[in-house]
Amino acid sequence: MQLFNILREIRHLPKVRIELGNEAADESLFRSFSRRHPRFFIIRNKTIGVGLIDCRRFKSAEDYTASVNGKNSAAYFSRKAVRAGYRFDEIDAMNYSSAIHAIHQSATTRQGIPMTVAYKHEFKDYPRDHRNQYFGIFKENILVAYLWIVRSGEVVIMNRIMGHADHLKDGVMYLLVTAFVEQELNAGRTDQFIMYDTMFGATPGLRMFKERCGFVPTRVNWERRKV
């Protein structure tokens, strides 16, 4: 029955074409997104059920916020975090590598899944270029959550996103995502997509979080931008 429900959902997924950039790193992304899925060989890796926010749907940040508002919504929990004294800001990840490591070490599991080896050691080589940006949530000038995004053509990819376990109950992750999306729209970036991995592979709790933040499972045809 679960498989039947998934297949039925796939049939009704919205479809979009997204153009990646034309740099060497974009070629690597294209290969990664388009290769055969490691478990389901008949489909491509990041093409079915991709979690997307289509910024073209919104004329302003207020439009987006209204779309994720209501009882127990992303907007509700974001306001809760702001009232508790949390704030959103862009960061230089190199200056916060120790704080980011502390976030990684604050829990041994996430959504019931053990943390991978990649998160056990402090990472000190965050790329600094036009493709990579970093954002954080602060409480009393202490970084308690962070987001690493990668830009490629028409898509902004949420590469890494994580919060300190002691602060999750305050809604910091909702504030991190909604504040980032609002910032993008306020900057006039209304012709792009924001991607948060896939929806079908997420745990129920993570999928609910993505849906509350406005991510929609989508069927994507990836293309490379011509020079």
N, C-alpha and C. Protein backbone atom coordinates (compact mmCIF):
# COMPACT_ATOMS: atom_id res chain seq x y z
N MET A 1 0.82 -1.20 0.00
CA MET A 1 0.00 0.00 0.00
C MET A 1 0.87 1.26 0.00
N GLN A 2 1.97 1.24 0.78
CA GLN A 2 2.87 2.39 0.82
C GLN A 2 3.48 2.65 -0.55
N LEU A 3 3.92 1.58 -1.22
CA LEU A 3 4.49 1.72 -2.56
C LEU A 3 3.44 2.26 -3.52
N PHE A 4 2.20 1.77 -3.42
CA PHE A 4 1.12 2.24 -4.28
C PHE A 4 0.90 3.73 -4.09
N ASN A 5 0.90 4.18 -2.82
CA ASN A 5 0.69 5.60 -2.54
C ASN A 5 1.80 6.47 -3.11
N ILE A 6 3.05 5.96 -3.03
CA ILE A 6 4.18 6.71 -3.57
C ILE A 6 4.07 6.81 -5.09
N LEU A 7 3.74 5.68 -5.74
CA LEU A 7 3.61 5.70 -7.20
C LEU A 7 2.48 6.63 -7.64
N ARG A 8 1.41 6.64 -6.88
CA ARG A 8 0.30 7.54 -7.22
C ARG A 8 0.72 9.00 -7.05
N GLU A 9 1.49 9.28 -5.99
CA GLU A 9 1.97 10.64 -5.77
C GLU A 9 2.91 11.06 -6.90
N ILE A 10 3.78 10.16 -7.34
CA ILE A 10 4.72 10.47 -8.42
C ILE A 10 3.96 10.86 -9.68
N ARG A 11 2.89 10.17 -9.96
CA ARG A 11 2.11 10.45 -11.18
C ARG A 11 1.60 11.88 -11.20
N HIS A 12 1.33 12.45 -10.03
CA HIS A 12 0.72 13.77 -9.96
C HIS A 12 1.69 14.88 -9.57
N LEU A 13 2.98 14.57 -9.58
CA LEU A 13 3.96 15.59 -9.22
C LEU A 13 3.99 16.70 -10.26
N PRO A 14 4.12 17.95 -9.82
CA PRO A 14 4.36 19.03 -10.80
C PRO A 14 5.71 18.82 -11.46
N LYS A 15 5.86 19.28 -12.69
CA LYS A 15 7.10 19.09 -13.45
C LYS A 15 7.71 20.45 -13.79
N VAL A 16 9.03 20.55 -13.62
CA VAL A 16 9.74 21.78 -13.98
C VAL A 16 11.05 21.44 -14.67
N ARG A 17 11.54 22.38 -15.45
CA ARG A 17 12.86 22.29 -16.05
C ARG A 17 13.74 23.32 -15.35
N ILE A 18 14.89 22.89 -14.84
CA ILE A 18 15.80 23.80 -14.12
C ILE A 18 17.16 23.78 -14.80
N GLU A 19 17.65 24.96 -15.10
CA GLU A 19 18.95 25.09 -15.76
C GLU A 19 20.03 25.36 -14.73
N LEU A 20 21.02 24.49 -14.68
CA LEU A 20 22.19 24.69 -13.83
C LEU A 20 23.15 25.64 -14.53
N GLY A 21 24.21 26.04 -13.83
CA GLY A 21 25.20 26.94 -14.41
C GLY A 21 26.09 26.22 -15.41
N ASN A 22 27.15 26.91 -15.85
CA ASN A 22 28.04 26.32 -16.86
C ASN A 22 29.50 26.27 -16.41
N GLU A 23 29.73 26.31 -15.10
CA GLU A 23 31.08 26.17 -14.57
C GLU A 23 31.38 24.69 -14.34
N ALA A 24 32.64 24.38 -14.05
CA ALA A 24 33.04 22.99 -13.83
C ALA A 24 32.27 22.37 -12.67
N ALA A 25 32.05 23.14 -11.61
CA ALA A 25 31.30 22.63 -10.45
C ALA A 25 29.86 22.32 -10.82
N ASP A 26 29.30 23.08 -11.76
CA ASP A 26 27.93 22.83 -12.20
C ASP A 26 27.84 21.54 -13.00
N GLU A 27 28.89 21.23 -13.75
CA GLU A 27 28.94 19.97 -14.48
C GLU A 27 28.92 18.79 -13.51
N SER A 28 29.63 18.95 -12.38
CA SER A 28 29.63 17.89 -11.37
C SER A 28 28.24 17.74 -10.75
N LEU A 29 27.57 18.85 -10.51
CA LEU A 29 26.20 18.80 -9.99
C LEU A 29 25.28 18.09 -10.97
N PHE A 30 25.40 18.44 -12.22
CA PHE A 30 24.54 17.82 -13.24
C PHE A 30 24.74 16.31 -13.26
N ARG A 31 25.98 15.87 -13.21
CA ARG A 31 26.24 14.42 -13.21
C ARG A 31 25.67 13.78 -11.96
N SER A 32 25.82 14.44 -10.81
CA SER A 32 25.31 13.89 -9.55
C SER A 32 23.79 13.79 -9.56
N PHE A 33 23.12 14.84 -10.03
CA PHE A 33 21.66 14.86 -10.04
C PHE A 33 21.08 13.91 -11.08
N SER A 34 21.80 13.67 -12.16
CA SER A 34 21.26 12.92 -13.30
C SER A 34 21.68 11.46 -13.33
N ARG A 35 22.63 11.06 -12.48
CA ARG A 35 23.04 9.66 -12.51
C ARG A 35 21.92 8.75 -11.98
N ARG A 36 22.07 7.46 -12.21
CA ARG A 36 21.08 6.51 -11.75
C ARG A 36 21.00 6.50 -10.23
N HIS A 37 19.79 6.37 -9.72
CA HIS A 37 19.60 6.33 -8.27
C HIS A 37 20.29 5.09 -7.71
N PRO A 38 20.98 5.20 -6.56
CA PRO A 38 21.74 4.05 -6.04
C PRO A 38 20.87 2.86 -5.65
N ARG A 39 19.60 3.11 -5.29
CA ARG A 39 18.71 2.00 -4.90
C ARG A 39 17.65 1.69 -5.95
N PHE A 40 17.18 2.73 -6.64
CA PHE A 40 16.13 2.55 -7.63
C PHE A 40 16.69 2.89 -9.01
N PHE A 41 17.30 1.90 -9.64
CA PHE A 41 18.13 2.12 -10.83
C PHE A 41 17.35 2.70 -12.02
N ILE A 42 16.04 2.50 -12.04
CA ILE A 42 15.27 2.95 -13.20
C ILE A 42 15.03 4.45 -13.21
N ILE A 43 15.34 5.15 -12.09
CA ILE A 43 15.14 6.60 -12.06
C ILE A 43 16.47 7.30 -11.83
N ARG A 44 16.49 8.58 -12.14
CA ARG A 44 17.68 9.39 -11.91
C ARG A 44 17.74 9.85 -10.46
N ASN A 45 18.92 10.22 -10.01
CA ASN A 45 19.19 10.44 -8.60
C ASN A 45 18.34 11.54 -7.96
N LYS A 46 18.34 12.74 -8.53
CA LYS A 46 17.62 13.87 -7.94
C LYS A 46 16.61 14.41 -8.95
N THR A 47 15.70 13.57 -9.36
CA THR A 47 14.72 13.98 -10.36
C THR A 47 13.28 13.76 -9.92
N ILE A 48 13.04 12.85 -8.99
CA ILE A 48 11.68 12.51 -8.57
C ILE A 48 11.48 12.93 -7.12
N GLY A 49 10.46 13.76 -6.89
CA GLY A 49 10.15 14.17 -5.52
C GLY A 49 11.14 15.16 -4.93
N VAL A 50 11.80 15.93 -5.79
CA VAL A 50 12.76 16.93 -5.31
C VAL A 50 12.01 18.01 -4.52
N GLY A 51 12.51 18.35 -3.34
CA GLY A 51 11.87 19.37 -2.52
C GLY A 51 12.21 20.76 -3.04
N LEU A 52 11.22 21.47 -3.60
CA LEU A 52 11.48 22.78 -4.20
C LEU A 52 10.51 23.84 -3.68
N ILE A 53 11.04 25.04 -3.52
CA ILE A 53 10.22 26.24 -3.42
C ILE A 53 10.39 26.99 -4.72
N ASP A 54 9.31 27.18 -5.44
CA ASP A 54 9.33 27.90 -6.71
C ASP A 54 9.11 29.38 -6.42
N CYS A 55 10.18 30.15 -6.44
CA CYS A 55 10.08 31.57 -6.09
C CYS A 55 9.23 32.36 -7.07
N ARG A 56 8.97 31.79 -8.24
CA ARG A 56 8.15 32.48 -9.22
C ARG A 56 6.70 32.61 -8.75
N ARG A 57 6.33 31.84 -7.75
CA ARG A 57 4.96 31.88 -7.22
C ARG A 57 4.70 33.14 -6.40
N PHE A 58 5.76 33.82 -5.97
CA PHE A 58 5.61 34.90 -5.00
C PHE A 58 6.07 36.23 -5.58
N LYS A 59 5.27 37.25 -5.35
CA LYS A 59 5.64 38.60 -5.77
C LYS A 59 6.48 39.30 -4.72
N SER A 60 6.44 38.79 -3.49
CA SER A 60 7.16 39.45 -2.40
C SER A 60 7.41 38.44 -1.29
N ALA A 61 8.26 38.83 -0.34
CA ALA A 61 8.51 37.99 0.83
C ALA A 61 7.23 37.80 1.64
N GLU A 62 6.38 38.83 1.65
CA GLU A 62 5.12 38.74 2.39
C GLU A 62 4.22 37.66 1.80
N ASP A 63 4.25 37.52 0.48
CA ASP A 63 3.46 36.46 -0.16
C ASP A 63 3.92 35.08 0.30
N TYR A 64 5.24 34.90 0.37
CA TYR A 64 5.76 33.62 0.83
C TYR A 64 5.36 33.37 2.28
N THR A 65 5.56 34.36 3.14
CA THR A 65 5.24 34.19 4.56
C THR A 65 3.77 33.83 4.75
N ALA A 66 2.90 34.48 3.97
CA ALA A 66 1.47 34.17 4.06
C ALA A 66 1.19 32.73 3.66
N SER A 67 1.98 32.18 2.74
CA SER A 67 1.75 30.82 2.26
C SER A 67 2.17 29.76 3.27
N VAL A 68 3.00 30.14 4.25
CA VAL A 68 3.45 29.18 5.28
C VAL A 68 2.98 29.61 6.66
N ASN A 69 1.86 30.31 6.71
CA ASN A 69 1.31 30.83 7.97
C ASN A 69 0.18 29.95 8.45
N GLY A 70 -0.21 30.15 9.70
CA GLY A 70 -1.32 29.39 10.27
C GLY A 70 -0.90 28.70 11.56
N LYS A 71 -1.81 27.88 12.10
CA LYS A 71 -1.55 27.16 13.35
C LYS A 71 -0.44 26.13 13.14
N ASN A 72 0.53 26.09 14.06
CA ASN A 72 1.65 25.15 13.99
C ASN A 72 2.35 25.19 12.63
N SER A 73 2.53 26.39 12.11
CA SER A 73 3.13 26.58 10.78
C SER A 73 4.58 27.02 10.91
N ALA A 74 5.27 27.09 9.77
CA ALA A 74 6.64 27.59 9.75
C ALA A 74 6.69 29.03 10.23
N ALA A 75 5.74 29.85 9.77
CA ALA A 75 5.71 31.25 10.18
C ALA A 75 5.45 31.36 11.69
N TYR A 76 4.57 30.53 12.21
CA TYR A 76 4.26 30.54 13.64
C TYR A 76 5.51 30.24 14.47
N PHE A 77 6.23 29.17 14.12
CA PHE A 77 7.42 28.80 14.89
C PHE A 77 8.56 29.80 14.68
N SER A 78 8.61 30.43 13.51
CA SER A 78 9.62 31.46 13.27
C SER A 78 9.38 32.66 14.19
N ARG A 79 8.12 33.07 14.30
CA ARG A 79 7.79 34.19 15.21
C ARG A 79 8.12 33.82 16.65
N LYS A 80 7.87 32.58 17.01
CA LYS A 80 8.21 32.10 18.36
C LYS A 80 9.70 32.26 18.63
N ALA A 81 10.52 31.90 17.65
CA ALA A 81 11.98 32.02 17.81
C ALA A 81 12.40 33.48 17.95
N VAL A 82 11.82 34.35 17.15
CA VAL A 82 12.16 35.78 17.23
C VAL A 82 11.79 36.32 18.60
N ARG A 83 10.61 35.97 19.10
CA ARG A 83 10.19 36.45 20.43
C ARG A 83 11.13 35.95 21.52
N ALA A 84 11.74 34.79 21.30
CA ALA A 84 12.67 34.22 22.29
C ALA A 84 14.07 34.82 22.18
N GLY A 85 14.28 35.74 21.24
CA GLY A 85 15.56 36.44 21.14
C GLY A 85 16.52 35.92 20.10
N TYR A 86 16.05 35.06 19.21
CA TYR A 86 16.92 34.56 18.15
C TYR A 86 16.89 35.51 16.96
N ARG A 87 18.01 35.56 16.23
CA ARG A 87 18.09 36.42 15.05
C ARG A 87 18.83 35.71 13.92
N PHE A 88 18.51 36.12 12.70
CA PHE A 88 19.09 35.55 11.47
C PHE A 88 20.12 36.50 10.91
N ASP A 89 21.23 35.95 10.39
CA ASP A 89 22.25 36.81 9.77
C ASP A 89 23.14 35.96 8.86
N GLU A 90 23.77 36.62 7.90
CA GLU A 90 24.78 35.95 7.07
C GLU A 90 26.06 35.83 7.88
N ILE A 91 26.81 34.75 7.65
CA ILE A 91 28.04 34.52 8.39
C ILE A 91 29.18 34.14 7.44
N ASP A 92 30.39 34.30 7.93
CA ASP A 92 31.57 33.73 7.30
C ASP A 92 31.85 32.42 8.04
N ALA A 93 31.59 31.30 7.41
CA ALA A 93 31.68 30.01 8.09
C ALA A 93 33.08 29.74 8.65
N MET A 94 34.11 30.29 8.00
CA MET A 94 35.46 30.08 8.50
C MET A 94 35.65 30.67 9.89
N ASN A 95 34.90 31.72 10.19
CA ASN A 95 35.02 32.34 11.50
C ASN A 95 34.18 31.63 12.56
N TYR A 96 33.36 30.70 12.13
CA TYR A 96 32.46 30.01 13.07
C TYR A 96 32.62 28.49 12.99
N SER A 97 33.79 28.02 12.55
CA SER A 97 33.97 26.57 12.40
C SER A 97 33.82 25.83 13.73
N SER A 98 34.28 26.43 14.82
CA SER A 98 34.15 25.78 16.13
C SER A 98 32.70 25.72 16.57
N ALA A 99 31.96 26.80 16.35
CA ALA A 99 30.55 26.82 16.71
C ALA A 99 29.75 25.83 15.86
N ILE A 100 30.09 25.73 14.58
CA ILE A 100 29.42 24.77 13.71
C ILE A 100 29.72 23.35 14.17
N HIS A 101 30.97 23.10 14.56
CA HIS A 101 31.33 21.78 15.07
C HIS A 101 30.54 21.46 16.34
N ALA A 102 30.35 22.45 17.20
CA ALA A 102 29.57 22.24 18.42
C ALA A 102 28.12 21.89 18.09
N ILE A 103 27.58 22.51 17.03
CA ILE A 103 26.22 22.17 16.56
C ILE A 103 26.18 20.71 16.12
N HIS A 104 27.18 20.30 15.33
CA HIS A 104 27.23 18.91 14.88
C HIS A 104 27.29 17.93 16.04
N GLN A 105 28.05 18.30 17.07
CA GLN A 105 28.28 17.39 18.20
C GLN A 105 27.17 17.42 19.24
N SER A 106 26.18 18.28 19.06
CA SER A 106 25.14 18.44 20.09
C SER A 106 24.15 17.28 20.13
N ALA A 107 24.17 16.40 19.13
CA ALA A 107 23.30 15.22 19.11
C ALA A 107 24.00 14.12 18.34
N THR A 108 23.82 12.89 18.78
CA THR A 108 24.45 11.75 18.09
C THR A 108 23.56 11.23 16.96
N THR A 109 22.28 11.59 16.99
CA THR A 109 21.36 11.20 15.93
C THR A 109 20.54 12.41 15.50
N ARG A 110 20.06 12.39 14.27
CA ARG A 110 19.16 13.40 13.73
C ARG A 110 18.01 12.68 13.03
N GLN A 111 16.78 12.99 13.46
CA GLN A 111 15.60 12.31 12.91
C GLN A 111 15.75 10.79 13.05
N GLY A 112 16.38 10.36 14.15
CA GLY A 112 16.53 8.93 14.40
C GLY A 112 17.65 8.27 13.63
N ILE A 113 18.41 9.05 12.86
CA ILE A 113 19.49 8.51 12.04
C ILE A 113 20.84 8.94 12.64
N PRO A 114 21.76 8.01 12.88
CA PRO A 114 23.06 8.38 13.46
C PRO A 114 23.81 9.37 12.58
N MET A 115 24.52 10.28 13.23
CA MET A 115 25.34 11.24 12.50
C MET A 115 26.46 10.49 11.77
N THR A 116 26.76 10.92 10.54
CA THR A 116 27.79 10.26 9.76
C THR A 116 29.18 10.71 10.22
N VAL A 117 30.18 9.99 9.77
CA VAL A 117 31.57 10.27 10.14
C VAL A 117 31.98 11.68 9.72
N ALA A 118 31.42 12.16 8.63
CA ALA A 118 31.80 13.48 8.10
C ALA A 118 31.56 14.60 9.11
N TYR A 119 30.64 14.39 10.05
CA TYR A 119 30.31 15.43 11.02
C TYR A 119 31.06 15.29 12.34
N LYS A 120 31.92 14.28 12.47
CA LYS A 120 32.59 14.02 13.74
C LYS A 120 33.84 14.88 13.94
N HIS A 121 34.35 15.45 12.87
CA HIS A 121 35.56 16.26 12.96
C HIS A 121 35.28 17.68 12.51
N GLU A 122 35.94 18.64 13.11
CA GLU A 122 35.71 20.03 12.76
C GLU A 122 36.17 20.31 11.33
N PHE A 123 35.28 20.87 10.55
CA PHE A 123 35.56 21.19 9.15
C PHE A 123 36.10 22.61 9.09
N LYS A 124 37.26 22.79 8.47
CA LYS A 124 37.92 24.10 8.48
C LYS A 124 38.24 24.63 7.09
N ASP A 125 37.55 24.12 6.10
CA ASP A 125 37.85 24.53 4.73
C ASP A 125 36.56 24.82 3.98
N TYR A 126 35.83 25.83 4.45
CA TYR A 126 34.57 26.21 3.80
C TYR A 126 34.88 27.07 2.58
N PRO A 127 34.34 26.72 1.41
CA PRO A 127 34.61 27.51 0.20
C PRO A 127 34.13 28.95 0.35
N ARG A 128 34.93 29.87 -0.15
CA ARG A 128 34.56 31.29 -0.15
C ARG A 128 34.55 31.78 -1.60
N ASP A 129 33.39 31.81 -2.20
CA ASP A 129 33.28 32.28 -3.59
C ASP A 129 31.85 32.70 -3.86
N HIS A 130 31.56 33.02 -5.13
CA HIS A 130 30.25 33.54 -5.48
C HIS A 130 29.16 32.47 -5.44
N ARG A 131 29.55 31.21 -5.36
CA ARG A 131 28.58 30.12 -5.36
C ARG A 131 28.11 29.75 -3.95
N ASN A 132 29.00 29.89 -2.98
CA ASN A 132 28.73 29.40 -1.63
C ASN A 132 28.46 30.56 -0.67
N GLN A 133 27.37 30.44 0.10
CA GLN A 133 27.05 31.42 1.14
C GLN A 133 26.60 30.68 2.39
N TYR A 134 26.73 31.37 3.51
CA TYR A 134 26.44 30.75 4.80
C TYR A 134 25.59 31.71 5.64
N PHE A 135 24.63 31.15 6.36
CA PHE A 135 23.73 31.94 7.18
C PHE A 135 23.56 31.25 8.52
N GLY A 136 23.22 32.03 9.52
CA GLY A 136 23.09 31.44 10.85
C GLY A 136 21.98 32.05 11.68
N ILE A 137 21.64 31.34 12.73
CA ILE A 137 20.72 31.84 13.76
C ILE A 137 21.54 32.02 15.02
N PHE A 138 21.40 33.19 15.62
CA PHE A 138 22.16 33.54 16.82
C PHE A 138 21.23 33.72 18.01
N LYS A 139 21.74 33.36 19.19
CA LYS A 139 21.10 33.68 20.46
C LYS A 139 22.17 34.27 21.36
N GLU A 140 22.03 35.57 21.66
CA GLU A 140 23.03 36.27 22.47
C GLU A 140 24.42 36.13 21.85
N ASN A 141 24.49 36.34 20.54
CA ASN A 141 25.73 36.31 19.76
C ASN A 141 26.40 34.94 19.69
N ILE A 142 25.66 33.90 20.05
CA ILE A 142 26.17 32.53 19.92
C ILE A 142 25.45 31.85 18.77
N LEU A 143 26.21 31.29 17.83
CA LEU A 143 25.63 30.60 16.69
C LEU A 143 24.99 29.30 17.14
N VAL A 144 23.70 29.12 16.87
CA VAL A 144 22.99 27.92 17.32
C VAL A 144 22.40 27.13 16.15
N ALA A 145 22.47 27.65 14.94
CA ALA A 145 22.01 26.92 13.74
C ALA A 145 22.68 27.56 12.53
N TYR A 146 22.89 26.77 11.49
CA TYR A 146 23.52 27.33 10.29
C TYR A 146 22.97 26.69 9.04
N LEU A 147 23.12 27.42 7.95
CA LEU A 147 22.70 26.98 6.61
C LEU A 147 23.82 27.28 5.63
N TRP A 148 24.20 26.29 4.85
CA TRP A 148 25.20 26.44 3.79
C TRP A 148 24.46 26.25 2.47
N ILE A 149 24.43 27.28 1.64
CA ILE A 149 23.75 27.18 0.36
C ILE A 149 24.75 27.25 -0.79
N VAL A 150 24.39 26.61 -1.91
CA VAL A 150 25.21 26.63 -3.12
C VAL A 150 24.32 27.12 -4.27
N ARG A 151 24.78 28.11 -5.00
CA ARG A 151 24.03 28.66 -6.13
C ARG A 151 24.53 28.04 -7.43
N SER A 152 23.58 27.68 -8.30
CA SER A 152 23.93 27.13 -9.60
C SER A 152 22.81 27.45 -10.58
N GLY A 153 23.07 28.38 -11.48
CA GLY A 153 22.06 28.71 -12.48
C GLY A 153 20.76 29.16 -11.84
N GLU A 154 19.69 28.42 -12.11
CA GLU A 154 18.36 28.80 -11.64
C GLU A 154 18.00 28.21 -10.28
N VAL A 155 18.94 27.53 -9.64
CA VAL A 155 18.61 26.87 -8.38
C VAL A 155 19.56 27.29 -7.26
N VAL A 156 19.00 27.38 -6.07
CA VAL A 156 19.77 27.57 -4.84
C VAL A 156 19.62 26.28 -4.05
N ILE A 157 20.73 25.63 -3.75
CA ILE A 157 20.70 24.32 -3.09
C ILE A 157 21.04 24.47 -1.62
N MET A 158 20.17 23.96 -0.76
CA MET A 158 20.48 23.91 0.66
C MET A 158 21.41 22.73 0.87
N ASN A 159 22.69 23.02 0.92
CA ASN A 159 23.72 22.00 0.95
C ASN A 159 23.84 21.34 2.33
N ARG A 160 23.88 22.17 3.37
CA ARG A 160 23.88 21.68 4.75
C ARG A 160 23.03 22.61 5.60
N ILE A 161 22.25 22.02 6.48
CA ILE A 161 21.42 22.80 7.39
C ILE A 161 21.29 22.03 8.69
N MET A 162 21.61 22.69 9.80
CA MET A 162 21.58 21.97 11.07
C MET A 162 21.50 22.96 12.24
N GLY A 163 20.84 22.53 13.31
CA GLY A 163 20.72 23.36 14.49
C GLY A 163 21.21 22.63 15.73
N HIS A 164 21.59 23.40 16.73
CA HIS A 164 22.03 22.82 18.00
C HIS A 164 20.84 22.16 18.68
N ALA A 165 21.04 20.95 19.17
CA ALA A 165 19.94 20.17 19.76
C ALA A 165 19.25 20.90 20.91
N ASP A 166 19.98 21.71 21.66
CA ASP A 166 19.40 22.40 22.81
C ASP A 166 18.45 23.52 22.42
N HIS A 167 18.43 23.90 21.14
CA HIS A 167 17.64 25.05 20.71
C HIS A 167 16.54 24.70 19.69
N LEU A 168 16.47 23.45 19.31
CA LEU A 168 15.52 23.06 18.27
C LEU A 168 14.07 23.32 18.68
N LYS A 169 13.78 23.11 19.95
CA LYS A 169 12.40 23.27 20.42
C LYS A 169 11.92 24.71 20.33
N ASP A 170 12.84 25.66 20.17
CA ASP A 170 12.47 27.08 20.10
C ASP A 170 12.13 27.52 18.68
N GLY A 171 12.18 26.60 17.72
CA GLY A 171 11.81 26.95 16.35
C GLY A 171 12.91 27.55 15.51
N VAL A 172 14.16 27.35 15.91
CA VAL A 172 15.27 28.01 15.21
C VAL A 172 15.41 27.55 13.76
N MET A 173 15.07 26.29 13.48
CA MET A 173 15.22 25.80 12.10
C MET A 173 14.17 26.41 11.18
N TYR A 174 12.98 26.62 11.71
CA TYR A 174 11.95 27.30 10.92
C TYR A 174 12.36 28.74 10.63
N LEU A 175 12.91 29.41 11.63
CA LEU A 175 13.37 30.78 11.42
C LEU A 175 14.49 30.82 10.40
N LEU A 176 15.40 29.86 10.45
CA LEU A 176 16.53 29.81 9.52
C LEU A 176 16.05 29.71 8.08
N VAL A 177 15.11 28.80 7.82
CA VAL A 177 14.63 28.60 6.44
C VAL A 177 13.77 29.76 5.98
N THR A 178 12.79 30.15 6.79
CA THR A 178 11.87 31.21 6.34
C THR A 178 12.59 32.54 6.17
N ALA A 179 13.52 32.85 7.07
CA ALA A 179 14.26 34.11 6.95
C ALA A 179 15.13 34.11 5.71
N PHE A 180 15.71 32.95 5.38
CA PHE A 180 16.53 32.88 4.16
C PHE A 180 15.66 33.09 2.92
N VAL A 181 14.52 32.40 2.85
CA VAL A 181 13.64 32.54 1.68
C VAL A 181 13.16 33.99 1.56
N GLU A 182 12.77 34.58 2.68
CA GLU A 182 12.32 35.97 2.66
C GLU A 182 13.43 36.90 2.17
N GLN A 183 14.67 36.65 2.59
CA GLN A 183 15.79 37.48 2.15
C GLN A 183 15.98 37.36 0.65
N GLU A 184 15.89 36.15 0.11
CA GLU A 184 16.04 35.94 -1.33
C GLU A 184 14.98 36.73 -2.10
N LEU A 185 13.75 36.67 -1.64
CA LEU A 185 12.66 37.37 -2.33
C LEU A 185 12.81 38.87 -2.19
N ASN A 186 13.22 39.32 -1.02
CA ASN A 186 13.44 40.76 -0.83
C ASN A 186 14.56 41.28 -1.72
N ALA A 187 15.50 40.40 -2.08
CA ALA A 187 16.60 40.78 -2.97
C ALA A 187 16.19 40.73 -4.44
N GLY A 188 14.93 40.38 -4.70
CA GLY A 188 14.43 40.35 -6.07
C GLY A 188 14.70 39.06 -6.81
N ARG A 189 15.12 38.01 -6.10
CA ARG A 189 15.42 36.73 -6.75
C ARG A 189 14.14 35.90 -6.85
N THR A 190 13.23 36.37 -7.69
CA THR A 190 11.92 35.73 -7.82
C THR A 190 11.85 34.81 -9.04
N ASP A 191 12.97 34.58 -9.71
CA ASP A 191 12.98 33.73 -10.90
C ASP A 191 13.80 32.46 -10.68
N GLN A 192 13.93 32.03 -9.43
CA GLN A 192 14.77 30.88 -9.12
C GLN A 192 13.98 29.84 -8.32
N PHE A 193 14.64 28.71 -8.09
CA PHE A 193 14.11 27.65 -7.25
C PHE A 193 15.04 27.45 -6.05
N ILE A 194 14.46 27.12 -4.92
CA ILE A 194 15.25 26.78 -3.74
C ILE A 194 15.02 25.29 -3.47
N MET A 195 16.11 24.55 -3.40
CA MET A 195 16.04 23.09 -3.32
C MET A 195 16.52 22.58 -1.96
N TYR A 196 15.74 21.67 -1.38
CA TYR A 196 16.12 21.00 -0.13
C TYR A 196 16.03 19.49 -0.35
N ASP A 197 16.99 18.95 -1.05
CA ASP A 197 17.12 17.52 -1.31
C ASP A 197 15.80 16.96 -1.86
N THR A 198 15.44 15.73 -1.47
CA THR A 198 14.20 15.12 -1.95
C THR A 198 13.24 14.89 -0.79
N MET A 199 11.96 14.75 -1.12
CA MET A 199 10.93 14.58 -0.10
C MET A 199 10.71 13.10 0.22
N PHE A 200 10.78 12.23 -0.78
CA PHE A 200 10.43 10.83 -0.57
C PHE A 200 11.44 10.11 0.32
N GLY A 201 12.68 10.53 0.31
CA GLY A 201 13.68 9.86 1.14
C GLY A 201 13.76 10.39 2.55
N ALA A 202 12.99 11.43 2.86
CA ALA A 202 13.06 12.05 4.18
C ALA A 202 12.24 11.26 5.20
N THR A 203 12.64 11.34 6.47
CA THR A 203 11.84 10.76 7.54
C THR A 203 10.53 11.54 7.64
N PRO A 204 9.49 10.97 8.26
CA PRO A 204 8.22 11.69 8.38
C PRO A 204 8.37 13.06 9.03
N GLY A 205 9.20 13.15 10.06
CA GLY A 205 9.40 14.44 10.73
C GLY A 205 10.07 15.46 9.85
N LEU A 206 11.09 15.03 9.10
CA LEU A 206 11.79 15.95 8.21
C LEU A 206 10.91 16.36 7.05
N ARG A 207 10.12 15.43 6.54
CA ARG A 207 9.22 15.78 5.44
C ARG A 207 8.18 16.81 5.91
N MET A 208 7.66 16.63 7.11
CA MET A 208 6.69 17.60 7.64
C MET A 208 7.33 18.98 7.76
N PHE A 209 8.58 19.02 8.22
CA PHE A 209 9.30 20.29 8.33
C PHE A 209 9.43 20.96 6.97
N LYS A 210 9.83 20.19 5.97
CA LYS A 210 9.98 20.74 4.63
C LYS A 210 8.65 21.26 4.10
N GLU A 211 7.60 20.49 4.28
CA GLU A 211 6.28 20.90 3.78
C GLU A 211 5.81 22.17 4.48
N ARG A 212 6.02 22.25 5.78
CA ARG A 212 5.62 23.46 6.51
C ARG A 212 6.37 24.68 6.00
N CYS A 213 7.62 24.49 5.57
CA CYS A 213 8.42 25.61 5.06
C CYS A 213 8.11 25.95 3.61
N GLY A 214 7.24 25.18 2.99
CA GLY A 214 6.81 25.50 1.63
C GLY A 214 7.44 24.69 0.52
N PHE A 215 8.25 23.70 0.86
CA PHE A 215 8.87 22.86 -0.17
C PHE A 215 7.83 21.88 -0.71
N VAL A 216 7.83 21.72 -2.03
CA VAL A 216 6.85 20.88 -2.72
C VAL A 216 7.58 19.77 -3.46
N PRO A 217 7.17 18.50 -3.33
CA PRO A 217 7.80 17.44 -4.11
C PRO A 217 7.54 17.65 -5.59
N THR A 218 8.61 17.62 -6.37
CA THR A 218 8.54 18.03 -7.77
C THR A 218 9.36 17.08 -8.64
N ARG A 219 8.94 16.94 -9.88
CA ARG A 219 9.71 16.17 -10.86
C ARG A 219 10.54 17.15 -11.66
N VAL A 220 11.86 16.94 -11.67
CA VAL A 220 12.77 17.94 -12.25
C VAL A 220 13.53 17.36 -13.44
N ASN A 221 13.57 18.14 -14.49
CA ASN A 221 14.43 17.86 -15.63
C ASN A 221 15.59 18.83 -15.57
N TRP A 222 16.77 18.32 -15.22
CA TRP A 222 17.95 19.19 -15.08
C TRP A 222 18.61 19.41 -16.45
N GLU A 223 19.01 20.64 -16.69
CA GLU A 223 19.72 20.98 -17.91
C GLU A 223 20.94 21.83 -17.58
N ARG A 224 21.92 21.81 -18.47
CA ARG A 224 23.12 22.62 -18.29
C ARG A 224 23.00 23.90 -19.11
N ARG A 225 23.39 25.00 -18.51
CA ARG A 225 23.34 26.29 -19.21
C ARG A 225 24.38 26.30 -20.32
N LYS A 226 23.96 26.71 -21.49
CA LYS A 226 24.88 26.80 -22.62
C LYS A 226 25.77 28.03 -22.47
N VAL A 227 27.01 27.91 -22.86
CA VAL A 227 27.98 28.99 -22.76
C VAL A 227 27.58 30.14 -23.66
